[in-house]
């Protein structure tokens, strides 16, 4: 029997749930820089209206998430945010 992932209560309220969640991570194929910037902008626009953005960012930092947009920040931005603390 495999372990089942348990969602945090804030995750249920996340604006990124559903079909639009694909914009939060890079595609499997090559992505040009302009495509990446556009995809990240779409993801960040969803984060901007999310009621649990702060909890999401704190979670990503706590688990040292290395991929995707979490709490409105990409991987590099999260590292910078953590370094400024």
N, C-alpha and C. Protein backbone atom coordinates (compact mmCIF):
# COMPACT_ATOMS: atom_id res chain seq x y z
N UNK A 1 0.84 -1.19 0.00
CA UNK A 1 0.00 0.00 0.00
C UNK A 1 0.89 1.25 0.00
N UNK A 2 0.62 2.16 -0.92
CA UNK A 2 1.44 3.37 -1.00
C UNK A 2 0.91 4.44 -0.05
N UNK A 3 1.81 5.31 0.35
CA UNK A 3 1.43 6.41 1.23
C UNK A 3 0.62 7.42 0.45
N UNK A 4 -0.42 7.92 1.05
CA UNK A 4 -1.27 8.90 0.40
C UNK A 4 -0.88 10.29 0.87
N UNK A 5 -0.75 11.22 -0.06
CA UNK A 5 -0.39 12.58 0.28
C UNK A 5 -1.59 13.27 0.90
N UNK A 6 -1.35 13.92 2.02
CA UNK A 6 -2.41 14.63 2.72
C UNK A 6 -2.27 16.12 2.43
N UNK A 7 -3.35 16.72 1.99
CA UNK A 7 -3.33 18.15 1.68
C UNK A 7 -3.40 18.97 2.95
N UNK A 8 -2.69 20.07 2.93
CA UNK A 8 -2.78 21.06 4.00
C UNK A 8 -4.14 21.75 3.83
N UNK A 9 -4.74 22.21 4.93
CA UNK A 9 -6.05 22.89 4.81
C UNK A 9 -6.04 24.08 3.85
N UNK A 10 -4.96 24.84 3.80
CA UNK A 10 -4.90 25.99 2.90
C UNK A 10 -4.92 25.57 1.44
N UNK A 11 -4.40 24.39 1.12
CA UNK A 11 -4.32 23.95 -0.27
C UNK A 11 -5.70 23.78 -0.90
N UNK A 12 -6.68 23.45 -0.10
CA UNK A 12 -8.04 23.27 -0.59
C UNK A 12 -8.61 24.60 -1.09
N UNK A 13 -8.14 25.71 -0.51
CA UNK A 13 -8.62 27.04 -0.87
C UNK A 13 -7.80 27.71 -1.97
N UNK A 14 -6.74 27.05 -2.42
CA UNK A 14 -5.81 27.67 -3.37
C UNK A 14 -6.47 27.98 -4.72
N UNK A 15 -6.20 29.17 -5.23
CA UNK A 15 -6.76 29.59 -6.51
C UNK A 15 -6.18 28.81 -7.69
N UNK A 16 -5.05 28.16 -7.48
CA UNK A 16 -4.38 27.43 -8.57
C UNK A 16 -4.94 26.03 -8.80
N UNK A 17 -5.87 25.59 -7.98
CA UNK A 17 -6.44 24.26 -8.16
C UNK A 17 -7.22 24.18 -9.46
N UNK A 18 -7.13 23.06 -10.12
CA UNK A 18 -7.89 22.87 -11.35
C UNK A 18 -7.03 22.87 -12.58
N UNK A 19 -7.68 23.01 -13.74
CA UNK A 19 -6.97 22.88 -15.02
C UNK A 19 -5.89 23.93 -15.25
N UNK A 20 -6.00 25.10 -14.65
CA UNK A 20 -5.00 26.15 -14.85
C UNK A 20 -3.70 25.86 -14.10
N UNK A 21 -3.65 24.80 -13.31
CA UNK A 21 -2.45 24.51 -12.53
C UNK A 21 -1.22 24.22 -13.39
N UNK A 22 -1.41 23.88 -14.64
CA UNK A 22 -0.28 23.58 -15.54
C UNK A 22 0.65 24.78 -15.72
N UNK A 23 0.16 26.00 -15.59
CA UNK A 23 1.01 27.17 -15.81
C UNK A 23 2.01 27.38 -14.68
N UNK A 24 1.87 26.67 -13.59
CA UNK A 24 2.75 26.86 -12.44
C UNK A 24 4.06 26.09 -12.55
N UNK A 25 4.16 25.20 -13.51
CA UNK A 25 5.37 24.40 -13.71
C UNK A 25 5.76 24.42 -15.18
N UNK A 26 7.07 24.29 -15.46
CA UNK A 26 7.50 24.27 -16.86
C UNK A 26 6.98 23.04 -17.59
N UNK A 27 6.77 23.16 -18.90
CA UNK A 27 6.29 22.02 -19.68
C UNK A 27 7.40 20.97 -19.85
N UNK A 28 7.04 19.80 -20.31
CA UNK A 28 8.01 18.73 -20.53
C UNK A 28 8.94 19.02 -21.70
N UNK A 29 8.49 19.79 -22.67
CA UNK A 29 9.31 20.13 -23.82
C UNK A 29 10.04 21.46 -23.57
N UNK A 30 10.97 21.78 -24.46
CA UNK A 30 11.74 23.02 -24.34
C UNK A 30 10.81 24.22 -24.27
N UNK A 31 11.18 25.17 -23.43
CA UNK A 31 10.40 26.40 -23.27
C UNK A 31 11.35 27.59 -23.48
N UNK A 32 11.04 28.41 -24.48
CA UNK A 32 11.84 29.61 -24.72
C UNK A 32 11.66 30.59 -23.56
N UNK A 33 12.61 31.50 -23.41
CA UNK A 33 12.56 32.44 -22.30
C UNK A 33 11.28 33.28 -22.33
N UNK A 34 10.89 33.76 -23.50
CA UNK A 34 9.66 34.57 -23.59
C UNK A 34 8.43 33.75 -23.21
N UNK A 35 8.42 32.47 -23.57
CA UNK A 35 7.31 31.59 -23.20
C UNK A 35 7.29 31.36 -21.68
N UNK A 36 8.47 31.20 -21.11
CA UNK A 36 8.56 31.01 -19.65
C UNK A 36 8.04 32.25 -18.92
N UNK A 37 8.48 33.42 -19.37
CA UNK A 37 8.04 34.66 -18.72
C UNK A 37 6.53 34.84 -18.82
N UNK A 38 5.97 34.50 -19.98
CA UNK A 38 4.52 34.61 -20.16
C UNK A 38 3.77 33.62 -19.27
N UNK A 39 4.26 32.38 -19.23
CA UNK A 39 3.62 31.36 -18.39
C UNK A 39 3.70 31.76 -16.92
N UNK A 40 4.87 32.22 -16.48
CA UNK A 40 5.02 32.64 -15.08
C UNK A 40 4.14 33.84 -14.76
N UNK A 41 3.98 34.76 -15.70
CA UNK A 41 3.11 35.92 -15.48
C UNK A 41 1.66 35.47 -15.28
N UNK A 42 1.23 34.48 -16.07
CA UNK A 42 -0.14 33.96 -15.91
C UNK A 42 -0.30 33.31 -14.54
N UNK A 43 0.70 32.55 -14.12
CA UNK A 43 0.64 31.90 -12.80
C UNK A 43 0.62 32.94 -11.69
N UNK A 44 1.48 33.93 -11.80
CA UNK A 44 1.55 34.96 -10.77
C UNK A 44 0.28 35.79 -10.69
N UNK A 45 -0.42 35.95 -11.82
CA UNK A 45 -1.71 36.66 -11.82
C UNK A 45 -2.74 35.87 -11.01
N UNK A 46 -2.69 34.55 -11.11
CA UNK A 46 -3.58 33.71 -10.30
C UNK A 46 -3.20 33.83 -8.83
N UNK A 47 -1.91 33.81 -8.53
CA UNK A 47 -1.44 33.97 -7.15
C UNK A 47 -1.89 35.31 -6.56
N UNK A 48 -1.88 36.34 -7.38
CA UNK A 48 -2.21 37.68 -6.91
C UNK A 48 -3.62 37.77 -6.31
N UNK A 49 -4.53 36.93 -6.79
CA UNK A 49 -5.90 36.97 -6.28
C UNK A 49 -6.18 35.84 -5.29
N UNK A 50 -5.16 35.09 -4.93
CA UNK A 50 -5.35 33.92 -4.07
C UNK A 50 -5.40 34.31 -2.59
N UNK A 51 -6.35 33.77 -1.88
CA UNK A 51 -6.52 34.08 -0.45
C UNK A 51 -5.51 33.37 0.43
N UNK A 52 -4.79 32.39 -0.10
CA UNK A 52 -3.82 31.64 0.71
C UNK A 52 -2.40 31.77 0.16
N UNK A 53 -2.13 32.87 -0.51
CA UNK A 53 -0.82 33.10 -1.13
C UNK A 53 0.30 33.04 -0.09
N UNK A 54 0.11 33.67 1.06
CA UNK A 54 1.14 33.70 2.10
C UNK A 54 1.43 32.29 2.61
N UNK A 55 0.40 31.52 2.89
CA UNK A 55 0.58 30.15 3.38
C UNK A 55 1.30 29.29 2.35
N UNK A 56 0.97 29.49 1.08
CA UNK A 56 1.59 28.76 -0.01
C UNK A 56 3.09 29.06 -0.07
N UNK A 57 3.45 30.32 0.00
CA UNK A 57 4.85 30.71 -0.05
C UNK A 57 5.60 30.14 1.15
N UNK A 58 5.03 30.25 2.33
CA UNK A 58 5.68 29.72 3.53
C UNK A 58 5.89 28.21 3.42
N UNK A 59 4.92 27.52 2.88
CA UNK A 59 5.03 26.08 2.69
C UNK A 59 6.17 25.75 1.73
N UNK A 60 6.21 26.44 0.60
CA UNK A 60 7.26 26.19 -0.40
C UNK A 60 8.65 26.44 0.17
N UNK A 61 8.78 27.48 0.97
CA UNK A 61 10.06 27.78 1.59
C UNK A 61 10.41 26.72 2.64
N UNK A 62 9.43 26.32 3.41
CA UNK A 62 9.67 25.33 4.46
C UNK A 62 10.14 23.99 3.91
N UNK A 63 9.57 23.59 2.77
CA UNK A 63 9.95 22.29 2.19
C UNK A 63 11.06 22.43 1.16
N UNK A 64 11.55 23.68 0.96
CA UNK A 64 12.61 23.96 0.00
C UNK A 64 12.23 23.50 -1.42
N UNK A 65 10.99 23.83 -1.80
CA UNK A 65 10.50 23.48 -3.14
C UNK A 65 11.40 24.12 -4.19
N UNK A 66 11.86 23.32 -5.13
CA UNK A 66 12.82 23.79 -6.13
C UNK A 66 12.19 24.09 -7.49
N UNK A 67 10.92 23.83 -7.65
CA UNK A 67 10.30 23.98 -8.97
C UNK A 67 8.97 24.72 -8.86
N UNK A 68 8.65 25.45 -9.91
CA UNK A 68 7.33 26.04 -10.04
C UNK A 68 7.14 27.37 -9.33
N UNK A 69 5.94 27.91 -9.53
CA UNK A 69 5.52 29.15 -8.89
C UNK A 69 4.73 28.78 -7.64
N UNK A 70 5.16 29.29 -6.52
CA UNK A 70 4.50 29.06 -5.24
C UNK A 70 4.38 30.40 -4.53
N UNK A 71 3.20 30.74 -4.08
CA UNK A 71 3.02 32.01 -3.37
C UNK A 71 3.41 33.22 -4.18
N UNK A 72 3.33 33.10 -5.49
CA UNK A 72 3.63 34.22 -6.37
C UNK A 72 5.10 34.39 -6.72
N UNK A 73 5.95 33.46 -6.27
CA UNK A 73 7.37 33.56 -6.56
C UNK A 73 7.88 32.32 -7.28
N UNK A 74 8.83 32.53 -8.21
CA UNK A 74 9.45 31.40 -8.87
C UNK A 74 10.64 30.90 -8.03
N UNK A 75 11.37 29.94 -8.54
CA UNK A 75 12.45 29.31 -7.78
C UNK A 75 13.51 30.32 -7.35
N UNK A 76 13.95 31.15 -8.28
CA UNK A 76 15.00 32.14 -7.99
C UNK A 76 14.49 33.17 -6.99
N UNK A 77 13.27 33.63 -7.18
CA UNK A 77 12.69 34.63 -6.28
C UNK A 77 12.52 34.09 -4.86
N UNK A 78 12.17 32.80 -4.75
CA UNK A 78 12.06 32.20 -3.40
C UNK A 78 13.42 32.14 -2.72
N UNK A 79 14.45 31.80 -3.46
CA UNK A 79 15.80 31.77 -2.89
C UNK A 79 16.21 33.16 -2.42
N UNK A 80 15.91 34.18 -3.21
CA UNK A 80 16.23 35.55 -2.82
C UNK A 80 15.44 35.96 -1.58
N UNK A 81 14.17 35.59 -1.55
CA UNK A 81 13.31 35.90 -0.41
C UNK A 81 13.87 35.27 0.86
N UNK A 82 14.28 34.03 0.76
CA UNK A 82 14.84 33.31 1.90
C UNK A 82 16.15 33.94 2.35
N UNK A 83 16.98 34.36 1.43
CA UNK A 83 18.26 34.97 1.76
C UNK A 83 18.08 36.33 2.47
N UNK A 84 16.97 37.02 2.19
CA UNK A 84 16.72 38.33 2.78
C UNK A 84 16.17 38.23 4.20
N UNK A 85 15.76 37.05 4.61
CA UNK A 85 15.18 36.89 5.95
C UNK A 85 16.25 37.01 7.01
